[in-house]
Amino acid sequence: AKKLKPSRYKLTVRATGADRRRSAPV
């Protein structure tokens, strides 16, 4: 039901390991 409307967006990706350590956001 929920999709993005036409516009500009910024995506931030961050990985989290099983031991709860996080990568730097990209």
mmCIF file of all heavy atoms, coordinates in Angstrom:
data_MODEL
# 
_entry.id   MODEL 
# 
loop_
_atom_site.group_PDB 
_atom_site.id 
_atom_site.type_symbol 
_atom_site.label_atom_id 
_atom_site.label_alt_id 
_atom_site.label_comp_id 
_atom_site.label_asym_id 
_atom_site.label_entity_id 
_atom_site.label_seq_id 
_atom_site.pdbx_PDB_ins_code 
_atom_site.Cartn_x 
_atom_site.Cartn_y 
_atom_site.Cartn_z 
_atom_site.occupancy 
_atom_site.B_iso_or_equiv 
_atom_site.pdbx_formal_charge 
_atom_site.auth_seq_id 
_atom_site.auth_comp_id 
_atom_site.auth_asym_id 
_atom_site.auth_atom_id 
_atom_site.pdbx_PDB_model_num 
ATOM 1   N N   . ALA A 1 1  ? 0.802  -1.220  0.000  1.00 0.00 ? 1  ALA A N   1 
ATOM 2   C CA  . ALA A 1 1  ? 0.000  0.000   0.000  1.00 0.00 ? 1  ALA A CA  1 
ATOM 3   C C   . ALA A 1 1  ? 0.839  1.277   0.000  1.00 0.00 ? 1  ALA A C   1 
ATOM 4   O O   . ALA A 1 1  ? 0.394  2.303   -0.499 1.00 0.00 ? 1  ALA A O   1 
ATOM 5   C CB  . ALA A 1 1  ? -0.929 0.004   1.213  1.00 0.00 ? 1  ALA A CB  1 
ATOM 6   N N   . LYS A 1 2  ? 2.038  1.225   0.571  1.00 0.00 ? 2  LYS A N   1 
ATOM 7   C CA  . LYS A 1 2  ? 2.826  2.443   0.732  1.00 0.00 ? 2  LYS A CA  1 
ATOM 8   C C   . LYS A 1 2  ? 3.965  2.504   -0.282 1.00 0.00 ? 2  LYS A C   1 
ATOM 9   O O   . LYS A 1 2  ? 4.875  1.672   -0.256 1.00 0.00 ? 2  LYS A O   1 
ATOM 10  C CB  . LYS A 1 2  ? 3.402  2.529   2.148  1.00 0.00 ? 2  LYS A CB  1 
ATOM 11  C CG  . LYS A 1 2  ? 4.078  3.844   2.424  1.00 0.00 ? 2  LYS A CG  1 
ATOM 12  C CD  . LYS A 1 2  ? 4.509  3.965   3.862  1.00 0.00 ? 2  LYS A CD  1 
ATOM 13  C CE  . LYS A 1 2  ? 5.159  5.320   4.069  1.00 0.00 ? 2  LYS A CE  1 
ATOM 14  N NZ  . LYS A 1 2  ? 5.690  5.482   5.400  1.00 0.00 ? 2  LYS A NZ  1 
ATOM 15  N N   . LYS A 1 3  ? 3.890  3.491   -1.174 1.00 0.00 ? 3  LYS A N   1 
ATOM 16  C CA  . LYS A 1 3  ? 4.960  3.683   -2.150 1.00 0.00 ? 3  LYS A CA  1 
ATOM 17  C C   . LYS A 1 3  ? 5.378  5.151   -2.159 1.00 0.00 ? 3  LYS A C   1 
ATOM 18  O O   . LYS A 1 3  ? 4.642  6.022   -1.696 1.00 0.00 ? 3  LYS A O   1 
ATOM 19  C CB  . LYS A 1 3  ? 4.529  3.235   -3.542 1.00 0.00 ? 3  LYS A CB  1 
ATOM 20  C CG  . LYS A 1 3  ? 3.414  4.031   -4.150 1.00 0.00 ? 3  LYS A CG  1 
ATOM 21  C CD  . LYS A 1 3  ? 3.094  3.509   -5.536 1.00 0.00 ? 3  LYS A CD  1 
ATOM 22  C CE  . LYS A 1 3  ? 2.052  4.371   -6.194 1.00 0.00 ? 3  LYS A CE  1 
ATOM 23  N NZ  . LYS A 1 3  ? 1.772  3.964   -7.548 1.00 0.00 ? 3  LYS A NZ  1 
ATOM 24  N N   . LEU A 1 4  ? 6.556  5.413   -2.686 1.00 0.00 ? 4  LEU A N   1 
ATOM 25  C CA  . LEU A 1 4  ? 7.070  6.774   -2.723 1.00 0.00 ? 4  LEU A CA  1 
ATOM 26  C C   . LEU A 1 4  ? 6.395  7.586   -3.817 1.00 0.00 ? 4  LEU A C   1 
ATOM 27  O O   . LEU A 1 4  ? 6.180  7.088   -4.924 1.00 0.00 ? 4  LEU A O   1 
ATOM 28  C CB  . LEU A 1 4  ? 8.580  6.760   -2.967 1.00 0.00 ? 4  LEU A CB  1 
ATOM 29  C CG  . LEU A 1 4  ? 9.430  6.164   -1.860 1.00 0.00 ? 4  LEU A CG  1 
ATOM 30  C CD1 . LEU A 1 4  ? 10.884 6.132   -2.294 1.00 0.00 ? 4  LEU A CD1 1 
ATOM 31  C CD2 . LEU A 1 4  ? 9.280  6.951   -0.581 1.00 0.00 ? 4  LEU A CD2 1 
ATOM 32  N N   . LYS A 1 5  ? 6.096  8.820   -3.521 1.00 0.00 ? 5  LYS A N   1 
ATOM 33  C CA  . LYS A 1 5  ? 5.516  9.733   -4.502 1.00 0.00 ? 5  LYS A CA  1 
ATOM 34  C C   . LYS A 1 5  ? 6.644  10.374  -5.306 1.00 0.00 ? 5  LYS A C   1 
ATOM 35  O O   . LYS A 1 5  ? 7.790  10.421  -4.838 1.00 0.00 ? 5  LYS A O   1 
ATOM 36  C CB  . LYS A 1 5  ? 4.714  10.812  -3.786 1.00 0.00 ? 5  LYS A CB  1 
ATOM 37  C CG  . LYS A 1 5  ? 3.517  10.260  -3.068 1.00 0.00 ? 5  LYS A CG  1 
ATOM 38  C CD  . LYS A 1 5  ? 2.765  11.352  -2.358 1.00 0.00 ? 5  LYS A CD  1 
ATOM 39  C CE  . LYS A 1 5  ? 1.582  10.747  -1.622 1.00 0.00 ? 5  LYS A CE  1 
ATOM 40  N NZ  . LYS A 1 5  ? 0.825  11.742  -0.884 1.00 0.00 ? 5  LYS A NZ  1 
ATOM 41  N N   . PRO A 1 6  ? 6.345  10.876  -6.494 1.00 0.00 ? 6  PRO A N   1 
ATOM 42  C CA  . PRO A 1 6  ? 7.395  11.540  -7.277 1.00 0.00 ? 6  PRO A CA  1 
ATOM 43  C C   . PRO A 1 6  ? 7.996  12.726  -6.515 1.00 0.00 ? 6  PRO A C   1 
ATOM 44  O O   . PRO A 1 6  ? 7.280  13.625  -6.086 1.00 0.00 ? 6  PRO A O   1 
ATOM 45  C CB  . PRO A 1 6  ? 6.649  12.020  -8.520 1.00 0.00 ? 6  PRO A CB  1 
ATOM 46  C CG  . PRO A 1 6  ? 5.515  11.072  -8.657 1.00 0.00 ? 6  PRO A CG  1 
ATOM 47  C CD  . PRO A 1 6  ? 5.105  10.751  -7.240 1.00 0.00 ? 6  PRO A CD  1 
ATOM 48  N N   . SER A 1 7  ? 9.284  12.675  -6.300 1.00 0.00 ? 7  SER A N   1 
ATOM 49  C CA  . SER A 1 7  ? 10.012 13.711  -5.576 1.00 0.00 ? 7  SER A CA  1 
ATOM 50  C C   . SER A 1 7  ? 11.484 13.326  -5.541 1.00 0.00 ? 7  SER A C   1 
ATOM 51  O O   . SER A 1 7  ? 11.897 12.339  -6.133 1.00 0.00 ? 7  SER A O   1 
ATOM 52  C CB  . SER A 1 7  ? 9.461  13.843  -4.156 1.00 0.00 ? 7  SER A CB  1 
ATOM 53  O OG  . SER A 1 7  ? 10.049 14.945  -3.513 1.00 0.00 ? 7  SER A OG  1 
ATOM 54  N N   . ARG A 1 8  ? 12.286 14.087  -4.792 1.00 0.00 ? 8  ARG A N   1 
ATOM 55  C CA  . ARG A 1 8  ? 13.692 13.776  -4.568 1.00 0.00 ? 8  ARG A CA  1 
ATOM 56  C C   . ARG A 1 8  ? 13.826 13.133  -3.203 1.00 0.00 ? 8  ARG A C   1 
ATOM 57  O O   . ARG A 1 8  ? 13.164 13.529  -2.245 1.00 0.00 ? 8  ARG A O   1 
ATOM 58  C CB  . ARG A 1 8  ? 14.529 15.042  -4.608 1.00 0.00 ? 8  ARG A CB  1 
ATOM 59  C CG  . ARG A 1 8  ? 14.549 15.681  -5.947 1.00 0.00 ? 8  ARG A CG  1 
ATOM 60  C CD  . ARG A 1 8  ? 15.346 16.951  -5.885 1.00 0.00 ? 8  ARG A CD  1 
ATOM 61  N NE  . ARG A 1 8  ? 15.286 17.642  -7.165 1.00 0.00 ? 8  ARG A NE  1 
ATOM 62  C CZ  . ARG A 1 8  ? 15.795 18.813  -7.385 1.00 0.00 ? 8  ARG A CZ  1 
ATOM 63  N NH1 . ARG A 1 8  ? 16.404 19.471  -6.424 1.00 0.00 ? 8  ARG A NH1 1 
ATOM 64  N NH2 . ARG A 1 8  ? 15.703 19.360  -8.572 1.00 0.00 ? 8  ARG A NH2 1 
ATOM 65  N N   . TYR A 1 9  ? 14.713 12.130  -3.104 1.00 0.00 ? 9  TYR A N   1 
ATOM 66  C CA  . TYR A 1 9  ? 14.891 11.399  -1.861 1.00 0.00 ? 9  TYR A CA  1 
ATOM 67  C C   . TYR A 1 9  ? 16.364 11.185  -1.579 1.00 0.00 ? 9  TYR A C   1 
ATOM 68  O O   . TYR A 1 9  ? 17.200 11.215  -2.470 1.00 0.00 ? 9  TYR A O   1 
ATOM 69  C CB  . TYR A 1 9  ? 14.191 10.037  -1.934 1.00 0.00 ? 9  TYR A CB  1 
ATOM 70  C CG  . TYR A 1 9  ? 12.700 10.154  -2.008 1.00 0.00 ? 9  TYR A CG  1 
ATOM 71  C CD1 . TYR A 1 9  ? 12.048 10.186  -3.237 1.00 0.00 ? 9  TYR A CD1 1 
ATOM 72  C CD2 . TYR A 1 9  ? 11.936 10.241  -0.858 1.00 0.00 ? 9  TYR A CD2 1 
ATOM 73  C CE1 . TYR A 1 9  ? 10.668 10.301  -3.309 1.00 0.00 ? 9  TYR A CE1 1 
ATOM 74  C CE2 . TYR A 1 9  ? 10.561 10.352  -0.919 1.00 0.00 ? 9  TYR A CE2 1 
ATOM 75  C CZ  . TYR A 1 9  ? 9.937  10.383  -2.150 1.00 0.00 ? 9  TYR A CZ  1 
ATOM 76  O OH  . TYR A 1 9  ? 8.593  10.510  -2.212 1.00 0.00 ? 9  TYR A OH  1 
ATOM 77  N N   . LYS A 1 10 ? 16.663 10.922  -0.318 1.00 0.00 ? 10 LYS A N   1 
ATOM 78  C CA  . LYS A 1 10 ? 18.009 10.566  0.121  1.00 0.00 ? 10 LYS A CA  1 
ATOM 79  C C   . LYS A 1 10 ? 17.897 9.229   0.838  1.00 0.00 ? 10 LYS A C   1 
ATOM 80  O O   . LYS A 1 10 ? 17.083 9.064   1.757  1.00 0.00 ? 10 LYS A O   1 
ATOM 81  C CB  . LYS A 1 10 ? 18.567 11.621  1.070  1.00 0.00 ? 10 LYS A CB  1 
ATOM 82  C CG  . LYS A 1 10 ? 19.936 11.288  1.601  1.00 0.00 ? 10 LYS A CG  1 
ATOM 83  C CD  . LYS A 1 10 ? 20.415 12.383  2.548  1.00 0.00 ? 10 LYS A CD  1 
ATOM 84  C CE  . LYS A 1 10 ? 21.753 12.061  3.148  1.00 0.00 ? 10 LYS A CE  1 
ATOM 85  N NZ  . LYS A 1 10 ? 22.161 13.085  4.116  1.00 0.00 ? 10 LYS A NZ  1 
ATOM 86  N N   . LEU A 1 11 ? 18.707 8.265   0.435  1.00 0.00 ? 11 LEU A N   1 
ATOM 87  C CA  . LEU A 1 11 ? 18.717 6.933   1.024  1.00 0.00 ? 11 LEU A CA  1 
ATOM 88  C C   . LEU A 1 11 ? 19.968 6.790   1.867  1.00 0.00 ? 11 LEU A C   1 
ATOM 89  O O   . LEU A 1 11 ? 21.065 7.107   1.415  1.00 0.00 ? 11 LEU A O   1 
ATOM 90  C CB  . LEU A 1 11 ? 18.723 5.873   -0.086 1.00 0.00 ? 11 LEU A CB  1 
ATOM 91  C CG  . LEU A 1 11 ? 18.967 4.441   0.336  1.00 0.00 ? 11 LEU A CG  1 
ATOM 92  C CD1 . LEU A 1 11 ? 17.757 3.922   1.094  1.00 0.00 ? 11 LEU A CD1 1 
ATOM 93  C CD2 . LEU A 1 11 ? 19.236 3.581   -0.870 1.00 0.00 ? 11 LEU A CD2 1 
ATOM 94  N N   . THR A 1 12 ? 19.805 6.311   3.091  1.00 0.00 ? 12 THR A N   1 
ATOM 95  C CA  . THR A 1 12 ? 20.934 6.042   3.971  1.00 0.00 ? 12 THR A CA  1 
ATOM 96  C C   . THR A 1 12 ? 20.906 4.567   4.335  1.00 0.00 ? 12 THR A C   1 
ATOM 97  O O   . THR A 1 12 ? 19.885 4.062   4.801  1.00 0.00 ? 12 THR A O   1 
ATOM 98  C CB  . THR A 1 12 ? 20.872 6.899   5.248  1.00 0.00 ? 12 THR A CB  1 
ATOM 99  O OG1 . THR A 1 12 ? 20.822 8.277   4.877  1.00 0.00 ? 12 THR A OG1 1 
ATOM 100 C CG2 . THR A 1 12 ? 22.076 6.665   6.126  1.00 0.00 ? 12 THR A CG2 1 
ATOM 101 N N   . VAL A 1 13 ? 22.018 3.875   4.101  1.00 0.00 ? 13 VAL A N   1 
ATOM 102 C CA  . VAL A 1 13 ? 22.125 2.437   4.360  1.00 0.00 ? 13 VAL A CA  1 
ATOM 103 C C   . VAL A 1 13 ? 23.144 2.218   5.469  1.00 0.00 ? 13 VAL A C   1 
ATOM 104 O O   . VAL A 1 13 ? 24.226 2.798   5.443  1.00 0.00 ? 13 VAL A O   1 
ATOM 105 C CB  . VAL A 1 13 ? 22.563 1.680   3.090  1.00 0.00 ? 13 VAL A CB  1 
ATOM 106 C CG1 . VAL A 1 13 ? 22.719 0.205   3.363  1.00 0.00 ? 13 VAL A CG1 1 
ATOM 107 C CG2 . VAL A 1 13 ? 21.589 1.923   1.959  1.00 0.00 ? 13 VAL A CG2 1 
ATOM 108 N N   . ARG A 1 14 ? 22.777 1.363   6.410  1.00 0.00 ? 14 ARG A N   1 
ATOM 109 C CA  . ARG A 1 14 ? 23.693 1.006   7.495  1.00 0.00 ? 14 ARG A CA  1 
ATOM 110 C C   . ARG A 1 14 ? 23.478 -0.471  7.808  1.00 0.00 ? 14 ARG A C   1 
ATOM 111 O O   . ARG A 1 14 ? 22.361 -0.903  8.055  1.00 0.00 ? 14 ARG A O   1 
ATOM 112 C CB  . ARG A 1 14 ? 23.406 1.835   8.730  1.00 0.00 ? 14 ARG A CB  1 
ATOM 113 C CG  . ARG A 1 14 ? 24.269 1.419   9.911  1.00 0.00 ? 14 ARG A CG  1 
ATOM 114 C CD  . ARG A 1 14 ? 23.942 2.204   11.123 1.00 0.00 ? 14 ARG A CD  1 
ATOM 115 N NE  . ARG A 1 14 ? 24.674 3.460   11.010 1.00 0.00 ? 14 ARG A NE  1 
ATOM 116 C CZ  . ARG A 1 14 ? 24.653 4.391   11.933 1.00 0.00 ? 14 ARG A CZ  1 
ATOM 117 N NH1 . ARG A 1 14 ? 23.915 4.255   12.996 1.00 0.00 ? 14 ARG A NH1 1 
ATOM 118 N NH2 . ARG A 1 14 ? 25.353 5.496   11.768 1.00 0.00 ? 14 ARG A NH2 1 
ATOM 119 N N   . ALA A 1 15 ? 24.555 -1.231  7.806  1.00 0.00 ? 15 ALA A N   1 
ATOM 120 C CA  . ALA A 1 15 ? 24.484 -2.659  8.131  1.00 0.00 ? 15 ALA A CA  1 
ATOM 121 C C   . ALA A 1 15 ? 24.719 -2.849  9.622  1.00 0.00 ? 15 ALA A C   1 
ATOM 122 O O   . ALA A 1 15 ? 25.522 -2.155  10.228 1.00 0.00 ? 15 ALA A O   1 
ATOM 123 C CB  . ALA A 1 15 ? 25.531 -3.423  7.340  1.00 0.00 ? 15 ALA A CB  1 
ATOM 124 N N   . THR A 1 16 ? 23.989 -3.817  10.208 1.00 0.00 ? 16 THR A N   1 
ATOM 125 C CA  . THR A 1 16 ? 24.161 -4.171  11.612 1.00 0.00 ? 16 THR A CA  1 
ATOM 126 C C   . THR A 1 16 ? 24.442 -5.659  11.688 1.00 0.00 ? 16 THR A C   1 
ATOM 127 O O   . THR A 1 16 ? 23.689 -6.465  11.141 1.00 0.00 ? 16 THR A O   1 
ATOM 128 C CB  . THR A 1 16 ? 22.895 -3.845  12.424 1.00 0.00 ? 16 THR A CB  1 
ATOM 129 O OG1 . THR A 1 16 ? 22.577 -2.471  12.251 1.00 0.00 ? 16 THR A OG1 1 
ATOM 130 C CG2 . THR A 1 16 ? 23.104 -4.129  13.892 1.00 0.00 ? 16 THR A CG2 1 
ATOM 131 N N   . GLY A 1 17 ? 25.525 -6.031  12.338 1.00 0.00 ? 17 GLY A N   1 
ATOM 132 C CA  . GLY A 1 17 ? 25.905 -7.434  12.462 1.00 0.00 ? 17 GLY A CA  1 
ATOM 133 C C   . GLY A 1 17 ? 25.145 -8.136  13.573 1.00 0.00 ? 17 GLY A C   1 
ATOM 134 O O   . GLY A 1 17 ? 24.426 -7.516  14.363 1.00 0.00 ? 17 GLY A O   1 
ATOM 135 N N   . ALA A 1 18 ? 25.312 -9.457  13.641 1.00 0.00 ? 18 ALA A N   1 
ATOM 136 C CA  . ALA A 1 18 ? 24.651 -10.252 14.672 1.00 0.00 ? 18 ALA A CA  1 
ATOM 137 C C   . ALA A 1 18 ? 25.124 -9.855  16.059 1.00 0.00 ? 18 ALA A C   1 
ATOM 138 O O   . ALA A 1 18 ? 24.388 -9.990  17.043 1.00 0.00 ? 18 ALA A O   1 
ATOM 139 C CB  . ALA A 1 18 ? 24.912 -11.731 14.433 1.00 0.00 ? 18 ALA A CB  1 
ATOM 140 N N   . ASP A 1 19 ? 26.350 -9.335  16.160 1.00 0.00 ? 19 ASP A N   1 
ATOM 141 C CA  . ASP A 1 19 ? 26.885 -8.908  17.446 1.00 0.00 ? 19 ASP A CA  1 
ATOM 142 C C   . ASP A 1 19 ? 26.571 -7.441  17.741 1.00 0.00 ? 19 ASP A C   1 
ATOM 143 O O   . ASP A 1 19 ? 27.160 -6.836  18.609 1.00 0.00 ? 19 ASP A O   1 
ATOM 144 C CB  . ASP A 1 19 ? 28.387 -9.149  17.499 1.00 0.00 ? 19 ASP A CB  1 
ATOM 145 C CG  . ASP A 1 19 ? 29.116 -8.454  16.358 1.00 0.00 ? 19 ASP A CG  1 
ATOM 146 O OD1 . ASP A 1 19 ? 28.443 -7.866  15.492 1.00 0.00 ? 19 ASP A OD1 1 
ATOM 147 O OD2 . ASP A 1 19 ? 30.352 -8.496  16.346 1.00 0.00 ? 19 ASP A OD2 1 
ATOM 148 N N   . ARG A 1 20 ? 25.635 -6.856  16.991 1.00 0.00 ? 20 ARG A N   1 
ATOM 149 C CA  . ARG A 1 20 ? 25.140 -5.482  17.165 1.00 0.00 ? 20 ARG A CA  1 
ATOM 150 C C   . ARG A 1 20 ? 26.128 -4.402  16.743 1.00 0.00 ? 20 ARG A C   1 
ATOM 151 O O   . ARG A 1 20 ? 25.918 -3.236  17.026 1.00 0.00 ? 20 ARG A O   1 
ATOM 152 C CB  . ARG A 1 20 ? 24.687 -5.219  18.599 1.00 0.00 ? 20 ARG A CB  1 
ATOM 153 C CG  . ARG A 1 20 ? 23.621 -6.131  19.095 1.00 0.00 ? 20 ARG A CG  1 
ATOM 154 C CD  . ARG A 1 20 ? 22.306 -5.666  18.600 1.00 0.00 ? 20 ARG A CD  1 
ATOM 155 N NE  . ARG A 1 20 ? 21.256 -6.486  19.211 1.00 0.00 ? 20 ARG A NE  1 
ATOM 156 C CZ  . ARG A 1 20 ? 20.057 -6.536  18.750 1.00 0.00 ? 20 ARG A CZ  1 
ATOM 157 N NH1 . ARG A 1 20 ? 19.718 -5.822  17.713 1.00 0.00 ? 20 ARG A NH1 1 
ATOM 158 N NH2 . ARG A 1 20 ? 19.164 -7.293  19.324 1.00 0.00 ? 20 ARG A NH2 1 
ATOM 159 N N   . ARG A 1 21 ? 27.246 -4.757  16.116 1.00 0.00 ? 21 ARG A N   1 
ATOM 160 C CA  . ARG A 1 21 ? 28.155 -3.737  15.597 1.00 0.00 ? 21 ARG A CA  1 
ATOM 161 C C   . ARG A 1 21 ? 27.552 -3.146  14.336 1.00 0.00 ? 21 ARG A C   1 
ATOM 162 O O   . ARG A 1 21 ? 26.924 -3.846  13.550 1.00 0.00 ? 21 ARG A O   1 
ATOM 163 C CB  . ARG A 1 21 ? 29.527 -4.338  15.277 1.00 0.00 ? 21 ARG A CB  1 
ATOM 164 C CG  . ARG A 1 21 ? 30.274 -4.773  16.512 1.00 0.00 ? 21 ARG A CG  1 
ATOM 165 C CD  . ARG A 1 21 ? 31.670 -5.196  16.191 1.00 0.00 ? 21 ARG A CD  1 
ATOM 166 N NE  . ARG A 1 21 ? 31.673 -6.136  15.081 1.00 0.00 ? 21 ARG A NE  1 
ATOM 167 C CZ  . ARG A 1 21 ? 32.699 -6.335  14.262 1.00 0.00 ? 21 ARG A CZ  1 
ATOM 168 N NH1 . ARG A 1 21 ? 33.821 -5.700  14.450 1.00 0.00 ? 21 ARG A NH1 1 
ATOM 169 N NH2 . ARG A 1 21 ? 32.617 -7.189  13.287 1.00 0.00 ? 21 ARG A NH2 1 
ATOM 170 N N   . ARG A 1 22 ? 27.730 -1.838  14.148 1.00 0.00 ? 22 ARG A N   1 
ATOM 171 C CA  . ARG A 1 22 ? 27.159 -1.149  12.992 1.00 0.00 ? 22 ARG A CA  1 
ATOM 172 C C   . ARG A 1 22 ? 28.252 -0.647  12.067 1.00 0.00 ? 22 ARG A C   1 
ATOM 173 O O   . ARG A 1 22 ? 29.303 -0.214  12.514 1.00 0.00 ? 22 ARG A O   1 
ATOM 174 C CB  . ARG A 1 22 ? 26.330 0.041   13.442 1.00 0.00 ? 22 ARG A CB  1 
ATOM 175 C CG  . ARG A 1 22 ? 25.065 -0.335  14.127 1.00 0.00 ? 22 ARG A CG  1 
ATOM 176 C CD  . ARG A 1 22 ? 24.295 0.909   14.470 1.00 0.00 ? 22 ARG A CD  1 
ATOM 177 N NE  . ARG A 1 22 ? 22.957 0.573   14.885 1.00 0.00 ? 22 ARG A NE  1 
ATOM 178 C CZ  . ARG A 1 22 ? 22.051 1.464   15.176 1.00 0.00 ? 22 ARG A CZ  1 
ATOM 179 N NH1 . ARG A 1 22 ? 22.336 2.743   15.123 1.00 0.00 ? 22 ARG A NH1 1 
ATOM 180 N NH2 . ARG A 1 22 ? 20.851 1.090   15.530 1.00 0.00 ? 22 ARG A NH2 1 
ATOM 181 N N   . SER A 1 23 ? 27.937 -0.663  10.785 1.00 0.00 ? 23 SER A N   1 
ATOM 182 C CA  . SER A 1 23 ? 28.867 -0.097  9.810  1.00 0.00 ? 23 SER A CA  1 
ATOM 183 C C   . SER A 1 23 ? 28.652 1.407   9.733  1.00 0.00 ? 23 SER A C   1 
ATOM 184 O O   . SER A 1 23 ? 27.680 1.940   10.256 1.00 0.00 ? 23 SER A O   1 
ATOM 185 C CB  . SER A 1 23 ? 28.626 -0.715  8.431  1.00 0.00 ? 23 SER A CB  1 
ATOM 186 O OG  . SER A 1 23 ? 27.369 -0.299  7.928  1.00 0.00 ? 23 SER A OG  1 
ATOM 187 N N   . ALA A 1 24 ? 29.558 2.066   9.059  1.00 0.00 ? 24 ALA A N   1 
ATOM 188 C CA  . ALA A 1 24 ? 29.384 3.503   8.820  1.00 0.00 ? 24 ALA A CA  1 
ATOM 189 C C   . ALA A 1 24 ? 28.232 3.690   7.831  1.00 0.00 ? 24 ALA A C   1 
ATOM 190 O O   . ALA A 1 24 ? 28.091 2.915   6.888  1.00 0.00 ? 24 ALA A O   1 
ATOM 191 C CB  . ALA A 1 24 ? 30.668 4.092   8.255  1.00 0.00 ? 24 ALA A CB  1 
ATOM 192 N N   . PRO A 1 25 ? 27.388 4.686   8.029  1.00 0.00 ? 25 PRO A N   1 
ATOM 193 C CA  . PRO A 1 25 ? 26.288 4.905   7.091  1.00 0.00 ? 25 PRO A CA  1 
ATOM 194 C C   . PRO A 1 25 ? 26.798 5.401   5.737  1.00 0.00 ? 25 PRO A C   1 
ATOM 195 O O   . PRO A 1 25 ? 27.756 6.151   5.653  1.00 0.00 ? 25 PRO A O   1 
ATOM 196 C CB  . PRO A 1 25 ? 25.429 5.966   7.774  1.00 0.00 ? 25 PRO A CB  1 
ATOM 197 C CG  . PRO A 1 25 ? 26.306 6.605   8.774  1.00 0.00 ? 25 PRO A CG  1 
ATOM 198 C CD  . PRO A 1 25 ? 27.361 5.630   9.140  1.00 0.00 ? 25 PRO A CD  1 
ATOM 199 N N   . VAL A 1 26 ? 26.131 4.940   4.680  1.00 0.00 ? 26 VAL A N   1 
ATOM 200 C CA  . VAL A 1 26 ? 26.436 5.356   3.316  1.00 0.00 ? 26 VAL A CA  1 
ATOM 201 C C   . VAL A 1 26 ? 25.155 5.945   2.738  1.00 0.00 ? 26 VAL A C   1 
ATOM 202 O O   . VAL A 1 26 ? 24.090 5.352   2.853  1.00 0.00 ? 26 VAL A O   1 
ATOM 203 C CB  . VAL A 1 26 ? 26.918 4.164   2.459  1.00 0.00 ? 26 VAL A CB  1 
ATOM 204 C CG1 . VAL A 1 26 ? 27.157 4.588   1.035  1.00 0.00 ? 26 VAL A CG1 1 
ATOM 205 C CG2 . VAL A 1 26 ? 28.158 3.550   3.068  1.00 0.00 ? 26 VAL A CG2 1 
# 
